[in-house]
């Protein structure tokens, strides 16, 4: 399974905009906050693996 690294670029209500950090990309991915860890804030780094997001340092 692939692993993707993201950073929370912004939070807008029930959604968060994520930016890939493991590749060069300006595109944002809109993700429902219900799918993300509750503790996220702007700038939080995330790892997506096995259909789950987790906070990384």
PDB file of N, CA and C in Angstrom:
ATOM      1  N   UNK A   1       0.844  -1.177   0.000  1.00  0.00           N
ATOM      2  CA  UNK A   1       0.000   0.000   0.000  1.00  0.00           C
ATOM      3  C   UNK A   1       0.889   1.239   0.000  1.00  0.00           C
ATOM      4  N   UNK A   2       0.458   2.264  -0.661  1.00  0.00           N
ATOM      5  CA  UNK A   2       1.225   3.499  -0.749  1.00  0.00           C
ATOM      6  C   UNK A   2       1.072   4.336   0.515  1.00  0.00           C
ATOM      7  N   UNK A   3       2.082   5.130   0.781  1.00  0.00           N
ATOM      8  CA  UNK A   3       2.072   6.079   1.889  1.00  0.00           C
ATOM      9  C   UNK A   3       2.215   7.483   1.319  1.00  0.00           C
ATOM     10  N   UNK A   4       1.391   8.415   1.807  1.00  0.00           N
ATOM     11  CA  UNK A   4       1.424   9.797   1.359  1.00  0.00           C
ATOM     12  C   UNK A   4       1.598  10.695   2.566  1.00  0.00           C
ATOM     13  N   UNK A   5       2.363  11.773   2.412  1.00  0.00           N
ATOM     14  CA  UNK A   5       2.577  12.732   3.482  1.00  0.00           C
ATOM     15  C   UNK A   5       1.880  14.040   3.130  1.00  0.00           C
ATOM     16  N   UNK A   6       1.207  14.628   4.120  1.00  0.00           N
ATOM     17  CA  UNK A   6       0.444  15.855   3.922  1.00  0.00           C
ATOM     18  C   UNK A   6       0.719  16.840   5.048  1.00  0.00           C
ATOM     19  N   UNK A   7       0.387  18.088   4.786  1.00  0.00           N
ATOM     20  CA  UNK A   7       0.367  19.122   5.811  1.00  0.00           C
ATOM     21  C   UNK A   7      -0.986  19.811   5.717  1.00  0.00           C
ATOM     22  N   UNK A   8      -1.588  20.110   6.858  1.00  0.00           N
ATOM     23  CA  UNK A   8      -2.873  20.802   6.865  1.00  0.00           C
ATOM     24  C   UNK A   8      -2.628  22.253   6.456  1.00  0.00           C
ATOM     25  N   UNK A   9      -3.149  22.625   5.290  1.00  0.00           N
ATOM     26  CA  UNK A   9      -2.956  23.982   4.759  1.00  0.00           C
ATOM     27  C   UNK A   9      -4.010  24.935   5.294  1.00  0.00           C
ATOM     28  N   UNK A  10      -5.155  24.414   5.667  1.00  0.00           N
ATOM     29  CA  UNK A  10      -6.224  25.263   6.194  1.00  0.00           C
ATOM     30  C   UNK A  10      -7.410  24.431   6.620  1.00  0.00           C
ATOM     31  N   UNK A  11      -8.202  24.996   7.510  1.00  0.00           N
ATOM     32  CA  UNK A  11      -9.412  24.328   7.993  1.00  0.00           C
ATOM     33  C   UNK A  11     -10.586  25.250   7.707  1.00  0.00           C
ATOM     34  N   UNK A  12     -11.624  24.672   7.112  1.00  0.00           N
ATOM     35  CA  UNK A  12     -12.814  25.436   6.756  1.00  0.00           C
ATOM     36  C   UNK A  12     -14.039  24.655   7.215  1.00  0.00           C
ATOM     37  N   UNK A  13     -14.485  24.927   8.435  1.00  0.00           N
ATOM     38  CA  UNK A  13     -15.659  24.240   8.971  1.00  0.00           C
ATOM     39  C   UNK A  13     -15.406  22.755   9.147  1.00  0.00           C
ATOM     40  N   UNK A  14     -16.196  21.939   8.457  1.00  0.00           N
ATOM     41  CA  UNK A  14     -16.100  20.481   8.574  1.00  0.00           C
ATOM     42  C   UNK A  14     -15.083  19.868   7.626  1.00  0.00           C
ATOM     43  N   UNK A  15     -14.304  20.695   6.949  1.00  0.00           N
ATOM     44  CA  UNK A  15     -13.339  20.209   5.974  1.00  0.00           C
ATOM     45  C   UNK A  15     -11.953  20.789   6.223  1.00  0.00           C
ATOM     46  N   UNK A  16     -10.938  20.076   5.771  1.00  0.00           N
ATOM     47  CA  UNK A  16      -9.559  20.557   5.851  1.00  0.00           C
ATOM     48  C   UNK A  16      -8.938  20.447   4.472  1.00  0.00           C
ATOM     49  N   UNK A  17      -8.117  21.429   4.127  1.00  0.00           N
ATOM     50  CA  UNK A  17      -7.352  21.390   2.886  1.00  0.00           C
ATOM     51  C   UNK A  17      -5.965  20.852   3.205  1.00  0.00           C
ATOM     52  N   UNK A  18      -5.583  19.773   2.522  1.00  0.00           N
ATOM     53  CA  UNK A  18      -4.287  19.149   2.742  1.00  0.00           C
ATOM     54  C   UNK A  18      -3.392  19.357   1.534  1.00  0.00           C
ATOM     55  N   UNK A  19      -2.110  19.606   1.806  1.00  0.00           N
ATOM     56  CA  UNK A  19      -1.108  19.781   0.739  1.00  0.00           C
ATOM     57  C   UNK A  19      -0.106  18.646   0.856  1.00  0.00           C
ATOM     58  N   UNK A  20       0.167  17.964  -0.259  1.00  0.00           N
ATOM     59  CA  UNK A  20       1.174  16.890  -0.261  1.00  0.00           C
ATOM     60  C   UNK A  20       2.544  17.470   0.018  1.00  0.00           C
ATOM     61  N   UNK A  21       3.315  16.795   0.851  1.00  0.00           N
ATOM     62  CA  UNK A  21       4.661  17.249   1.162  1.00  0.00           C
ATOM     63  C   UNK A  21       5.717  16.264   0.686  1.00  0.00           C
ATOM     64  N   UNK A  22       5.301  15.092   0.241  1.00  0.00           N
ATOM     65  CA  UNK A  22       6.276  14.104  -0.226  1.00  0.00           C
ATOM     66  C   UNK A  22       6.604  14.269  -1.706  1.00  0.00           C
ATOM     67  N   UNK A  23       5.859  15.123  -2.404  1.00  0.00           N
ATOM     68  CA  UNK A  23       6.138  15.458  -3.807  1.00  0.00           C
ATOM     69  C   UNK A  23       5.926  16.958  -3.999  1.00  0.00           C
ATOM     70  N   UNK A  24       6.435  17.506  -5.083  1.00  0.00           N
ATOM     71  CA  UNK A  24       6.192  18.906  -5.433  1.00  0.00           C
ATOM     72  C   UNK A  24       4.777  19.015  -5.998  1.00  0.00           C
ATOM     73  N   UNK A  25       3.911  19.740  -5.292  1.00  0.00           N
ATOM     74  CA  UNK A  25       2.545  19.912  -5.770  1.00  0.00           C
ATOM     75  C   UNK A  25       1.922  21.130  -5.106  1.00  0.00           C
ATOM     76  N   UNK A  26       1.208  21.930  -5.886  1.00  0.00           N
ATOM     77  CA  UNK A  26       0.476  23.072  -5.351  1.00  0.00           C
ATOM     78  C   UNK A  26      -0.996  22.747  -5.153  1.00  0.00           C
ATOM     79  N   UNK A  27      -1.412  21.550  -5.563  1.00  0.00           N
ATOM     80  CA  UNK A  27      -2.813  21.154  -5.444  1.00  0.00           C
ATOM     81  C   UNK A  27      -3.163  20.867  -3.994  1.00  0.00           C
ATOM     82  N   UNK A  28      -4.400  21.212  -3.632  1.00  0.00           N
ATOM     83  CA  UNK A  28      -4.903  20.916  -2.301  1.00  0.00           C
ATOM     84  C   UNK A  28      -5.949  19.815  -2.391  1.00  0.00           C
ATOM     85  N   UNK A  29      -5.994  19.001  -1.365  1.00  0.00           N
ATOM     86  CA  UNK A  29      -6.966  17.913  -1.290  1.00  0.00           C
ATOM     87  C   UNK A  29      -7.952  18.267  -0.180  1.00  0.00           C
ATOM     88  N   UNK A  30      -9.238  18.314  -0.505  1.00  0.00           N
ATOM     89  CA  UNK A  30     -10.276  18.625   0.460  1.00  0.00           C
ATOM     90  C   UNK A  30     -10.726  17.333   1.124  1.00  0.00           C
ATOM     91  N   UNK A  31     -10.609  17.282   2.460  1.00  0.00           N
ATOM     92  CA  UNK A  31     -10.926  16.064   3.203  1.00  0.00           C
ATOM     93  C   UNK A  31     -11.863  16.417   4.355  1.00  0.00           C
ATOM     94  N   UNK A  32     -12.884  15.605   4.556  1.00  0.00           N
ATOM     95  CA  UNK A  32     -13.796  15.806   5.686  1.00  0.00           C
ATOM     96  C   UNK A  32     -13.033  15.632   6.992  1.00  0.00           C
ATOM     97  N   UNK A  33     -13.236  16.541   7.933  1.00  0.00           N
ATOM     98  CA  UNK A  33     -12.522  16.474   9.214  1.00  0.00           C
ATOM     99  C   UNK A  33     -12.861  15.217   9.987  1.00  0.00           C
ATOM    100  N   UNK A  34     -14.005  14.619   9.722  1.00  0.00           N
ATOM    101  CA  UNK A  34     -14.378  13.373  10.407  1.00  0.00           C
ATOM    102  C   UNK A  34     -13.402  12.244  10.079  1.00  0.00           C
ATOM    103  N   UNK A  35     -12.686  12.346   8.968  1.00  0.00           N
ATOM    104  CA  UNK A  35     -11.721  11.321   8.571  1.00  0.00           C
ATOM    105  C   UNK A  35     -10.328  11.581   9.130  1.00  0.00           C
ATOM    106  N   UNK A  36     -10.138  12.746   9.763  1.00  0.00           N
ATOM    107  CA  UNK A  36      -8.825  13.158  10.259  1.00  0.00           C
ATOM    108  C   UNK A  36      -8.787  13.095  11.779  1.00  0.00           C
ATOM    109  N   UNK A  37      -7.581  13.000  12.365  1.00  0.00           N
ATOM    110  CA  UNK A  37      -7.482  13.042  13.825  1.00  0.00           C
ATOM    111  C   UNK A  37      -8.085  14.346  14.366  1.00  0.00           C
ATOM    112  N   UNK A  38      -8.761  14.269  15.502  1.00  0.00           N
ATOM    113  CA  UNK A  38      -9.457  15.427  16.076  1.00  0.00           C
ATOM    114  C   UNK A  38      -8.507  16.553  16.465  1.00  0.00           C
ATOM    115  N   UNK A  39      -7.237  16.239  16.730  1.00  0.00           N
ATOM    116  CA  UNK A  39      -6.281  17.225  17.242  1.00  0.00           C
ATOM    117  C   UNK A  39      -5.639  18.087  16.173  1.00  0.00           C
ATOM    118  N   UNK A  40      -6.028  17.967  14.912  1.00  0.00           N
ATOM    119  CA  UNK A  40      -5.337  18.712  13.850  1.00  0.00           C
ATOM    120  C   UNK A  40      -5.563  20.212  13.967  1.00  0.00           C
ATOM    121  N   UNK A  41      -4.593  20.958  13.460  1.00  0.00           N
ATOM    122  CA  UNK A  41      -4.695  22.403  13.300  1.00  0.00           C
ATOM    123  C   UNK A  41      -3.869  22.747  12.069  1.00  0.00           C
ATOM    124  N   UNK A  42      -3.905  24.011  11.647  1.00  0.00           N
ATOM    125  CA  UNK A  42      -3.121  24.398  10.483  1.00  0.00           C
ATOM    126  C   UNK A  42      -1.648  24.131  10.752  1.00  0.00           C
ATOM    127  N   UNK A  43      -0.981  23.500   9.789  1.00  0.00           N
ATOM    128  CA  UNK A  43       0.434  23.171   9.928  1.00  0.00           C
ATOM    129  C   UNK A  43       0.703  21.768  10.432  1.00  0.00           C
ATOM    130  N   UNK A  44      -0.326  21.061  10.890  1.00  0.00           N
ATOM    131  CA  UNK A  44      -0.146  19.688  11.364  1.00  0.00           C
ATOM    132  C   UNK A  44       0.305  18.804  10.218  1.00  0.00           C
ATOM    133  N   UNK A  45       1.285  17.955  10.471  1.00  0.00           N
ATOM    134  CA  UNK A  45       1.787  17.022   9.462  1.00  0.00           C
ATOM    135  C   UNK A  45       1.092  15.675   9.647  1.00  0.00           C
ATOM    136  N   UNK A  46       0.663  15.104   8.524  1.00  0.00           N
ATOM    137  CA  UNK A  46      -0.092  13.854   8.545  1.00  0.00           C
ATOM    138  C   UNK A  46       0.522  12.816   7.624  1.00  0.00           C
ATOM    139  N   UNK A  47       0.319  11.558   7.986  1.00  0.00           N
ATOM    140  CA  UNK A  47       0.686  10.444   7.120  1.00  0.00           C
ATOM    141  C   UNK A  47      -0.605   9.706   6.780  1.00  0.00           C
ATOM    142  N   UNK A  48      -0.790   9.416   5.490  1.00  0.00           N
ATOM    143  CA  UNK A  48      -1.947   8.653   5.029  1.00  0.00           C
ATOM    144  C   UNK A  48      -1.454   7.292   4.586  1.00  0.00           C
ATOM    145  N   UNK A  49      -1.951   6.249   5.236  1.00  0.00           N
ATOM    146  CA  UNK A  49      -1.535   4.888   4.928  1.00  0.00           C
ATOM    147  C   UNK A  49      -2.659   3.947   5.329  1.00  0.00           C
ATOM    148  N   UNK A  50      -2.932   2.969   4.526  1.00  0.00           N
ATOM    149  CA  UNK A  50      -3.985   1.984   4.790  1.00  0.00           C
ATOM    150  C   UNK A  50      -5.321   2.663   5.076  1.00  0.00           C
ATOM    151  N   UNK A  51      -5.618   3.688   4.274  1.00  0.00           N
ATOM    152  CA  UNK A  51      -6.892   4.408   4.325  1.00  0.00           C
ATOM    153  C   UNK A  51      -7.134   5.105   5.657  1.00  0.00           C
ATOM    154  N   UNK A  52      -6.048   5.488   6.362  1.00  0.00           N
ATOM    155  CA  UNK A  52      -6.157   6.213   7.622  1.00  0.00           C
ATOM    156  C   UNK A  52      -5.126   7.332   7.666  1.00  0.00           C
ATOM    157  N   UNK A  53      -5.501   8.426   8.309  1.00  0.00           N
ATOM    158  CA  UNK A  53      -4.597   9.551   8.531  1.00  0.00           C
ATOM    159  C   UNK A  53      -4.104   9.495   9.969  1.00  0.00           C
ATOM    160  N   UNK A  54      -2.796   9.752  10.165  1.00  0.00           N
ATOM    161  CA  UNK A  54      -2.269   9.866  11.521  1.00  0.00           C
ATOM    162  C   UNK A  54      -1.286  11.017  11.590  1.00  0.00           C
ATOM    163  N   UNK A  55      -1.226  11.645  12.750  1.00  0.00           N
ATOM    164  CA  UNK A  55      -0.342  12.784  12.962  1.00  0.00           C
ATOM    165  C   UNK A  55       1.079  12.281  13.106  1.00  0.00           C
ATOM    166  N   UNK A  56       2.017  12.975  12.438  1.00  0.00           N
ATOM    167  CA  UNK A  56       3.446  12.647  12.575  1.00  0.00           C
ATOM    168  C   UNK A  56       4.179  13.900  13.031  1.00  0.00           C
ATOM    169  N   UNK A  57       5.357  13.730  13.551  1.00  0.00           N
ATOM    170  CA  UNK A  57       6.161  14.864  14.026  1.00  0.00           C
ATOM    171  C   UNK A  57       6.949  15.459  12.889  1.00  0.00           C
TER     172      UNK A  57
END
